[in-house]
C-alpha atoms as a PDB file:
ATOM      1  CA  MET A   1       7.757 -51.658  22.426  1.00  0.00           C
ATOM      2  CA  LYS A   2       8.531 -51.445  18.720  1.00  0.00           C
ATOM      3  CA  SER A   3       5.240 -49.649  18.127  1.00  0.00           C
ATOM      4  CA  LEU A   4       6.084 -46.997  20.742  1.00  0.00           C
ATOM      5  CA  TYR A   5       9.519 -46.386  19.176  1.00  0.00           C
ATOM      6  CA  PHE A   6       7.953 -46.077  15.720  1.00  0.00           C
ATOM      7  CA  LYS A   7       5.338 -43.566  16.964  1.00  0.00           C
ATOM      8  CA  PHE A   8       8.030 -41.484  18.686  1.00  0.00           C
ATOM      9  CA  GLY A   9      10.131 -41.344  15.504  1.00  0.00           C
ATOM     10  CA  LYS A  10       7.110 -40.412  13.437  1.00  0.00           C
ATOM     11  CA  LEU A  11       6.198 -37.656  15.915  1.00  0.00           C
ATOM     12  CA  PHE A  12       9.769 -36.318  15.890  1.00  0.00           C
ATOM     13  CA  PHE A  13      10.014 -36.134  12.097  1.00  0.00           C
ATOM     14  CA  SER A  14       6.553 -34.614  11.656  1.00  0.00           C
ATOM     15  CA  SER A  15       7.406 -31.941  14.240  1.00  0.00           C
ATOM     16  CA  PHE A  16      10.711 -31.226  12.507  1.00  0.00           C
ATOM     17  CA  PHE A  17       9.119 -30.808   9.089  1.00  0.00           C
ATOM     18  CA  ALA A  18       6.226 -28.792  10.490  1.00  0.00           C
ATOM     19  CA  LEU A  19       8.664 -26.215  11.893  1.00  0.00           C
ATOM     20  CA  LEU A  20      10.801 -26.046   8.740  1.00  0.00           C
ATOM     21  CA  PRO A  21       8.565 -23.574   6.820  1.00  0.00           C
ATOM     22  CA  LEU A  22       8.695 -21.173   9.785  1.00  0.00           C
ATOM     23  CA  ASN A  23      12.476 -20.980   9.440  1.00  0.00           C
ATOM     24  CA  GLN A  24      12.144 -20.226   5.731  1.00  0.00           C
ATOM     25  CA  THR A  25       9.584 -17.468   6.322  1.00  0.00           C
ATOM     26  CA  SER A  26      11.779 -15.783   8.920  1.00  0.00           C
ATOM     27  CA  ILE A  27      14.699 -15.752   6.456  1.00  0.00           C
ATOM     28  CA  LEU A  28      12.400 -14.374   3.772  1.00  0.00           C
ATOM     29  CA  ALA A  29      11.063 -11.699   6.125  1.00  0.00           C
ATOM     30  CA  SER A  30      14.576 -10.531   6.996  1.00  0.00           C
ATOM     31  CA  GLU A  31      15.456 -10.271   3.279  1.00  0.00           C
ATOM     32  CA  ILE A  32      12.360  -8.170   2.662  1.00  0.00           C
ATOM     33  CA  LEU A  33      13.245  -5.865   5.551  1.00  0.00           C
ATOM     34  CA  LEU A  34      16.740  -5.395   4.133  1.00  0.00           C
ATOM     35  CA  ALA A  35      15.354  -4.646   0.671  1.00  0.00           C
ATOM     36  CA  ASN A  36      12.897  -2.090   2.051  1.00  0.00           C
ATOM     37  CA  SER A  37      15.577  -0.304   4.071  1.00  0.00           C
ATOM     38  CA  ASN A  38      17.105   1.006   0.812  1.00  0.00           C
ATOM     39  CA  ASP A  39      15.145   4.204   0.112  1.00  0.00           C
ATOM     40  CA  ASP A  40      16.736   4.940  -3.271  1.00  0.00           C
ATOM     41  CA  ASP A  41      15.133   2.124  -5.271  1.00  0.00           C
ATOM     42  CA  ILE A  42      11.758   0.430  -5.385  1.00  0.00           C
ATOM     43  CA  GLU A  43      12.556  -3.275  -5.710  1.00  0.00           C
ATOM     44  CA  GLU A  44       9.260  -4.418  -7.121  1.00  0.00           C
ATOM     45  CA  VAL A  45       9.773  -5.920 -10.603  1.00  0.00           C
ATOM     46  CA  ARG A  46       8.288  -9.417 -10.608  1.00  0.00           C
ATOM     47  CA  VAL A  47       8.385 -10.325 -14.310  1.00  0.00           C
ATOM     48  CA  LYS A  48       9.735  -8.622 -17.398  1.00  0.00           C
ATOM     49  CA  ARG A  49       9.265 -10.418 -20.685  1.00  0.00           C
ATOM     50  CA  VAL A  50       8.178 -10.314 -24.293  1.00  0.00           C
ATOM     51  CA  ASN A  51       5.514 -12.974 -24.778  1.00  0.00           C
ATOM     52  CA  LYS A  52       4.799 -15.011 -27.912  1.00  0.00           C
ATOM     53  CA  LYS A  53       2.293 -12.394 -29.146  1.00  0.00           C
ATOM     54  CA  GLY A  54       5.058  -9.784 -29.153  1.00  0.00           C
ATOM     55  CA  ASN A  55       3.742  -7.887 -26.132  1.00  0.00           C
ATOM     56  CA  LEU A  56       6.307  -6.389 -23.756  1.00  0.00           C
ATOM     57  CA  VAL A  57       5.054  -6.990 -20.213  1.00  0.00           C
ATOM     58  CA  VAL A  58       6.526  -5.636 -16.973  1.00  0.00           C
ATOM     59  CA  ARG A  59       4.773  -6.858 -13.805  1.00  0.00           C
ATOM     60  CA  PHE A  60       5.290  -5.546 -10.292  1.00  0.00           C
ATOM     61  CA  CYS A  61       4.940  -7.115  -6.837  1.00  0.00           C
ATOM     62  CA  GLY A  62       3.236  -4.136  -5.239  1.00  0.00           C
ATOM     63  CA  LYS A  63       0.946  -1.408  -6.491  1.00  0.00           C
ATOM     64  CA  LEU A  64       2.783   1.533  -8.048  1.00  0.00           C
ATOM     65  CA  LYS A  65       1.665   4.812  -9.648  1.00  0.00           C
ATOM     66  CA  ASP A  66       2.929   7.873 -11.533  1.00  0.00           C
ATOM     67  CA  TYR A  67       5.171   5.916 -13.898  1.00  0.00           C
ATOM     68  CA  LYS A  68       7.734   7.853 -15.919  1.00  0.00           C
ATOM     69  CA  GLY A  69      10.705   6.933 -18.065  1.00  0.00           C
ATOM     70  CA  TYR A  70      11.170   3.954 -20.336  1.00  0.00           C
ATOM     71  CA  VAL A  71      12.014   0.265 -20.622  1.00  0.00           C
ATOM     72  CA  GLU A  72      14.844  -0.695 -22.972  1.00  0.00           C
ATOM     73  CA  VAL A  73      14.899  -3.873 -25.061  1.00  0.00           C
ATOM     74  CA  GLU A  74      17.500  -4.557 -27.782  1.00  0.00           C
ATOM     75  CA  ASN A  75      18.475  -0.852 -27.955  1.00  0.00           C
ATOM     76  CA  GLN A  76      14.814   0.163 -28.428  1.00  0.00           C
ATOM     77  CA  LYS A  77      13.189   2.469 -25.880  1.00  0.00           C
ATOM     78  CA  PHE A  78       9.569   1.896 -24.922  1.00  0.00           C
ATOM     79  CA  MET A  79       8.221   5.017 -23.206  1.00  0.00           C
ATOM     80  CA  VAL A  80       5.655   4.622 -20.437  1.00  0.00           C
ATOM     81  CA  LYS A  81       3.481   7.317 -22.024  1.00  0.00           C
ATOM     82  CA  ASP A  82       3.222   5.118 -25.171  1.00  0.00           C
ATOM     83  CA  ALA A  83       2.207   1.957 -23.277  1.00  0.00           C
ATOM     84  CA  ASP A  84      -1.105   0.329 -24.194  1.00  0.00           C
ATOM     85  CA  ILE A  85      -1.926  -0.778 -20.630  1.00  0.00           C
ATOM     86  CA  VAL A  86      -0.740   1.043 -17.515  1.00  0.00           C
ATOM     87  CA  LYS A  87      -2.093  -0.406 -14.282  1.00  0.00           C
ATOM     88  CA  PRO A  88      -0.794  -0.373 -10.692  1.00  0.00           C
ATOM     89  CA  ARG A  89       0.743  -3.843 -11.031  1.00  0.00           C
ATOM     90  CA  ARG A  90       1.759  -3.926 -14.714  1.00  0.00           C
ATOM     91  CA  ILE A  91       2.692  -2.039 -17.841  1.00  0.00           C
ATOM     92  CA  VAL A  92       2.111  -3.576 -21.298  1.00  0.00           C
ATOM     93  CA  TRP A  93       3.218  -2.465 -24.755  1.00  0.00           C
ATOM     94  CA  LYS A  94       1.352  -4.415 -27.452  1.00  0.00           C
ATOM     95  CA  ASN A  95       2.669  -5.506 -30.868  1.00  0.00           C
ATOM     96  CA  THR A  96       6.301  -4.568 -30.264  1.00  0.00           C
ATOM     97  CA  SER A  97       7.537  -6.934 -33.009  1.00  0.00           C
ATOM     98  CA  LEU A  98      10.229  -8.258 -30.666  1.00  0.00           C
ATOM     99  CA  PRO A  99      11.195 -11.921 -30.363  1.00  0.00           C
ATOM    100  CA  LYS A 100      10.184 -13.830 -27.256  1.00  0.00           C
ATOM    101  CA  LEU A 101      12.511 -12.694 -24.433  1.00  0.00           C
ATOM    102  CA  ARG A 102      12.790 -12.925 -20.665  1.00  0.00           C
ATOM    103  CA  GLY A 103      14.739 -11.339 -17.859  1.00  0.00           C
ATOM    104  CA  GLU A 104      18.196  -9.916 -18.398  1.00  0.00           C
ATOM    105  CA  ASP A 105      17.624  -8.789 -21.997  1.00  0.00           C
ATOM    106  CA  ILE A 106      15.039  -6.263 -20.761  1.00  0.00           C
ATOM    107  CA  SER A 107      16.309  -3.219 -18.842  1.00  0.00           C
ATOM    108  CA  VAL A 108      14.095  -1.293 -16.399  1.00  0.00           C
ATOM    109  CA  ASP A 109      16.919   0.942 -15.122  1.00  0.00           C
ATOM    110  CA  ASN A 110      15.236   4.090 -16.450  1.00  0.00           C
ATOM    111  CA  LEU A 111      11.744   3.378 -15.111  1.00  0.00           C
ATOM    112  CA  LEU A 112      10.544   5.637 -12.295  1.00  0.00           C
ATOM    113  CA  ALA A 113       7.492   5.330 -10.035  1.00  0.00           C
ATOM    114  CA  ARG A 114       6.215   5.668  -6.503  1.00  0.00           C
ATOM    115  CA  TYR A 115       4.138   3.381  -4.322  1.00  0.00           C
ATOM    116  CA  LYS A 116       0.375   3.760  -4.691  1.00  0.00           C
ATOM    117  CA  ASP A 117      -0.087   4.805  -1.069  1.00  0.00           C
ATOM    118  CA  GLU A 118       2.665   7.462  -1.183  1.00  0.00           C
ATOM    119  CA  ASP A 119       1.892  11.166  -1.388  1.00  0.00           C
ATOM    120  CA  ARG A 120       2.650  12.974  -4.659  1.00  0.00           C
ATOM    121  CA  SER A 121       5.120  15.191  -2.793  1.00  0.00           C
ATOM    122  CA  GLU A 122       7.445  12.183  -2.487  1.00  0.00           C
ATOM    123  CA  PRO A 123      10.027  12.063  -5.295  1.00  0.00           C
ATOM    124  CA  LEU A 124       9.821   9.358  -7.954  1.00  0.00           C
ATOM    125  CA  ARG A 125      12.248   6.503  -7.417  1.00  0.00           C
ATOM    126  CA  VAL A 126      13.928   4.022  -9.730  1.00  0.00           C
ATOM    127  CA  VAL A 127      12.035   0.751 -10.121  1.00  0.00           C
ATOM    128  CA  ASP A 128      14.504  -2.099  -9.785  1.00  0.00           C
ATOM    129  CA  GLU A 129      14.377  -5.862  -9.829  1.00  0.00           C
ATOM    130  CA  GLY A 130      13.537  -7.377  -6.495  1.00  0.00           C
ATOM    131  CA  SER A 131      12.338 -10.540  -4.911  1.00  0.00           C
ATOM    132  CA  CYS A 132       8.622 -10.580  -4.272  1.00  0.00           C
ATOM    133  CA  ALA A 133       7.351 -11.883  -0.973  1.00  0.00           C
ATOM    134  CA  VAL A 134       5.945 -15.378  -0.990  1.00  0.00           C
ATOM    135  CA  GLY A 135       2.251 -15.397  -0.186  1.00  0.00           C
ATOM    136  CA  ILE A 136       0.799 -17.460   2.610  1.00  0.00           C
ATOM    137  CA  LEU A 137      -0.977 -19.906   0.258  1.00  0.00           C
ATOM    138  CA  PRO A 138       2.172 -21.898  -0.696  1.00  0.00           C
ATOM    139  CA  LEU A 139       3.069 -22.196   2.995  1.00  0.00           C
ATOM    140  CA  ILE A 140      -0.407 -23.527   3.804  1.00  0.00           C
ATOM    141  CA  ILE A 141      -0.189 -26.067   0.982  1.00  0.00           C
ATOM    142  CA  VAL A 142       3.249 -27.273   2.094  1.00  0.00           C
ATOM    143  CA  GLY A 143       2.102 -27.482   5.722  1.00  0.00           C
ATOM    144  CA  ALA A 144      -1.024 -29.428   4.746  1.00  0.00           C
ATOM    145  CA  GLY A 145       1.058 -31.833   2.646  1.00  0.00           C
ATOM    146  CA  ILE A 146       3.385 -32.478   5.560  1.00  0.00           C
ATOM    147  CA  ALA A 147       0.479 -32.995   7.939  1.00  0.00           C
ATOM    148  CA  VAL A 148      -1.207 -35.461   5.591  1.00  0.00           C
ATOM    149  CA  GLY A 149       2.041 -37.345   5.025  1.00  0.00           C
ATOM    150  CA  ALA A 150       2.882 -37.525   8.715  1.00  0.00           C
ATOM    151  CA  GLY A 151      -0.683 -38.258   9.793  1.00  0.00           C
ATOM    152  CA  GLY A 152      -1.160 -41.276   7.569  1.00  0.00           C
ATOM    153  CA  SER A 153      -1.395 -44.289   9.831  1.00  0.00           C
ATOM    154  CA  GLY A 154      -0.728 -46.831   7.126  1.00  0.00           C
ATOM    155  CA  SER A 155      -2.427 -50.168   6.771  1.00  0.00           C
ATOM    156  CA  GLY A 156      -0.014 -52.322   8.718  1.00  0.00           C
ATOM    157  CA  SER A 157      -1.351 -55.114  10.872  1.00  0.00           C
ATOM    158  CA  THR A 158      -0.212 -56.153  14.297  1.00  0.00           C
ATOM    159  CA  SER A 159      -0.475 -59.520  15.885  1.00  0.00           C
ATOM    160  CA  SER A 160      -0.284 -60.356  19.528  1.00  0.00           C
ATOM    161  CA  ASN A 161       0.291 -63.728  21.085  1.00  0.00           C
END
């Protein structure tokens, strides 16, 4: 009888934890839908930092094109046209002679772009900070970890008289 109760509890908890990531993804999906409903800004900035080599790096969640404007750091303007690397997911200015910085000290308020799949007739929009969608890989890893933890039968022994 004790074994049946233990198996039921184990089944209940493994089912509970298996469904937990689905709740998190639905919340994340609704946040993404709300962010995309605002047509004025492109909320795609993933990382903005000055690394230890002195390179100013701005990374984006999605693929963008037709960049214009500038990024401002410590009252210095870094124009997109002067960037060393301009790719759909990042812009890099090399050898900026800035100290190592992250986040709020770097302003992208004057950076304009459009999505890669948009037509050139669409106006450029302001690139703003946003929350990037979580890929499916972390969800698979969490789900696999839960399954392995719940599926372990242990090495307990039973005795019957």
